[in-house]
Amino acid sequence: MYLLTIRDGLVTRHIGPYQSPKQASDDLDRLLRHFGDRARWQIHALEEPASVIGSSSVATAA
C-alpha cells in the first residue's frame, strides 16, 4: 500500500491508501490543481504493522 503526502506551506495532506505507486501518481496530477505552485509531494510505501513490531529493537518486560 502507498500513501501520497502533499505539503503546501503549513498545510499537509495525506491521501490514500493506493494499491500501487502508479495509482498515487495518476491521482497526484488531479490533486495538484488544488494546491499552489510551490506544493511539494512524496509517495510513501506503507509498512505492515507486524513487520514494524517484529523488527523493533525495544525489549519487552516480562
C-alpha atoms as a PDB file:
ATOM      1  CA  MET A   1       0.000   0.000   0.000  1.00  0.00           C
ATOM      2  CA  TYR A   2       1.123   3.551  -0.718  1.00  0.00           C
ATOM      3  CA  LEU A   3       0.273   6.953   0.754  1.00  0.00           C
ATOM      4  CA  LEU A   4       0.532  10.310  -1.010  1.00  0.00           C
ATOM      5  CA  THR A   5       1.661  13.308   1.063  1.00  0.00           C
ATOM      6  CA  ILE A   6       1.267  16.849  -0.280  1.00  0.00           C
ATOM      7  CA  ARG A   7       2.718  19.855   1.577  1.00  0.00           C
ATOM      8  CA  ASP A   8       1.687  23.384   0.623  1.00  0.00           C
ATOM      9  CA  GLY A   9       3.024  25.971   3.049  1.00  0.00           C
ATOM     10  CA  LEU A  10       1.858  24.970   6.526  1.00  0.00           C
ATOM     11  CA  VAL A  11      -0.808  22.598   5.203  1.00  0.00           C
ATOM     12  CA  THR A  12      -0.019  18.883   4.929  1.00  0.00           C
ATOM     13  CA  ARG A  13      -2.473  16.434   3.365  1.00  0.00           C
ATOM     14  CA  HIS A  14      -2.201  12.631   3.472  1.00  0.00           C
ATOM     15  CA  ILE A  15      -4.175  10.910   0.718  1.00  0.00           C
ATOM     16  CA  GLY A  16      -4.636   7.213   0.134  1.00  0.00           C
ATOM     17  CA  PRO A  17      -4.036   4.358   0.539  1.00  0.00           C
ATOM     18  CA  TYR A  18      -3.297   3.300  -3.019  1.00  0.00           C
ATOM     19  CA  GLN A  19      -2.568  -0.195  -4.315  1.00  0.00           C
ATOM     20  CA  SER A  20       0.401   0.935  -6.420  1.00  0.00           C
ATOM     21  CA  PRO A  21       2.650   3.989  -6.795  1.00  0.00           C
ATOM     22  CA  LYS A  22       1.231   4.436 -10.316  1.00  0.00           C
ATOM     23  CA  GLN A  23      -2.269   4.937  -8.898  1.00  0.00           C
ATOM     24  CA  ALA A  24      -0.916   7.542  -6.464  1.00  0.00           C
ATOM     25  CA  SER A  25       0.928   9.270  -9.301  1.00  0.00           C
ATOM     26  CA  ASP A  26      -2.177   9.327 -11.505  1.00  0.00           C
ATOM     27  CA  ASP A  27      -4.205  10.843  -8.660  1.00  0.00           C
ATOM     28  CA  LEU A  28      -1.427  13.361  -7.984  1.00  0.00           C
ATOM     29  CA  ASP A  29      -1.981  15.039 -11.359  1.00  0.00           C
ATOM     30  CA  ARG A  30      -5.608  15.688 -10.425  1.00  0.00           C
ATOM     31  CA  LEU A  31      -4.878  16.791  -6.847  1.00  0.00           C
ATOM     32  CA  LEU A  32      -2.079  19.251  -7.624  1.00  0.00           C
ATOM     33  CA  ARG A  33      -4.584  21.527  -9.390  1.00  0.00           C
ATOM     34  CA  HIS A  34      -5.981  22.371  -5.924  1.00  0.00           C
ATOM     35  CA  PHE A  35      -2.612  23.387  -4.454  1.00  0.00           C
ATOM     36  CA  GLY A  36      -0.180  26.243  -5.071  1.00  0.00           C
ATOM     37  CA  ASP A  37       2.759  26.198  -7.472  1.00  0.00           C
ATOM     38  CA  ARG A  38       5.211  25.549  -4.627  1.00  0.00           C
ATOM     39  CA  ALA A  39       3.461  22.450  -3.283  1.00  0.00           C
ATOM     40  CA  ARG A  40       5.774  19.513  -2.579  1.00  0.00           C
ATOM     41  CA  TRP A  41       4.701  15.902  -2.739  1.00  0.00           C
ATOM     42  CA  GLN A  42       6.001  12.454  -1.862  1.00  0.00           C
ATOM     43  CA  ILE A  43       4.734   8.894  -2.266  1.00  0.00           C
ATOM     44  CA  HIS A  44       5.389   6.664   0.757  1.00  0.00           C
ATOM     45  CA  ALA A  45       5.319   2.882   0.892  1.00  0.00           C
ATOM     46  CA  LEU A  46       3.343   1.783   3.951  1.00  0.00           C
ATOM     47  CA  GLU A  47       4.758  -0.966   6.147  1.00  0.00           C
ATOM     48  CA  GLU A  48       2.655  -3.694   7.688  1.00  0.00           C
ATOM     49  CA  PRO A  49       2.351  -3.344  11.484  1.00  0.00           C
ATOM     50  CA  ALA A  50       3.716  -6.864  12.093  1.00  0.00           C
ATOM     51  CA  SER A  51       6.929  -6.092  10.195  1.00  0.00           C
ATOM     52  CA  VAL A  52       7.478  -2.906  12.200  1.00  0.00           C
ATOM     53  CA  ILE A  53       6.862  -4.574  15.567  1.00  0.00           C
ATOM     54  CA  GLY A  54       8.932  -7.623  14.663  1.00  0.00           C
ATOM     55  CA  SER A  55      11.973  -5.539  13.737  1.00  0.00           C
ATOM     56  CA  SER A  56      11.840  -3.368  16.844  1.00  0.00           C
ATOM     57  CA  SER A  57      14.962  -3.324  18.991  1.00  0.00           C
ATOM     58  CA  VAL A  58      12.947  -2.482  22.110  1.00  0.00           C
ATOM     59  CA  ALA A  59      12.817  -5.377  24.576  1.00  0.00           C
ATOM     60  CA  THR A  60       9.510  -6.117  26.298  1.00  0.00           C
ATOM     61  CA  ALA A  61       9.464  -6.546  30.064  1.00  0.00           C
ATOM     62  CA  ALA A  62       8.234  -9.898  31.367  1.00  0.00           C
END
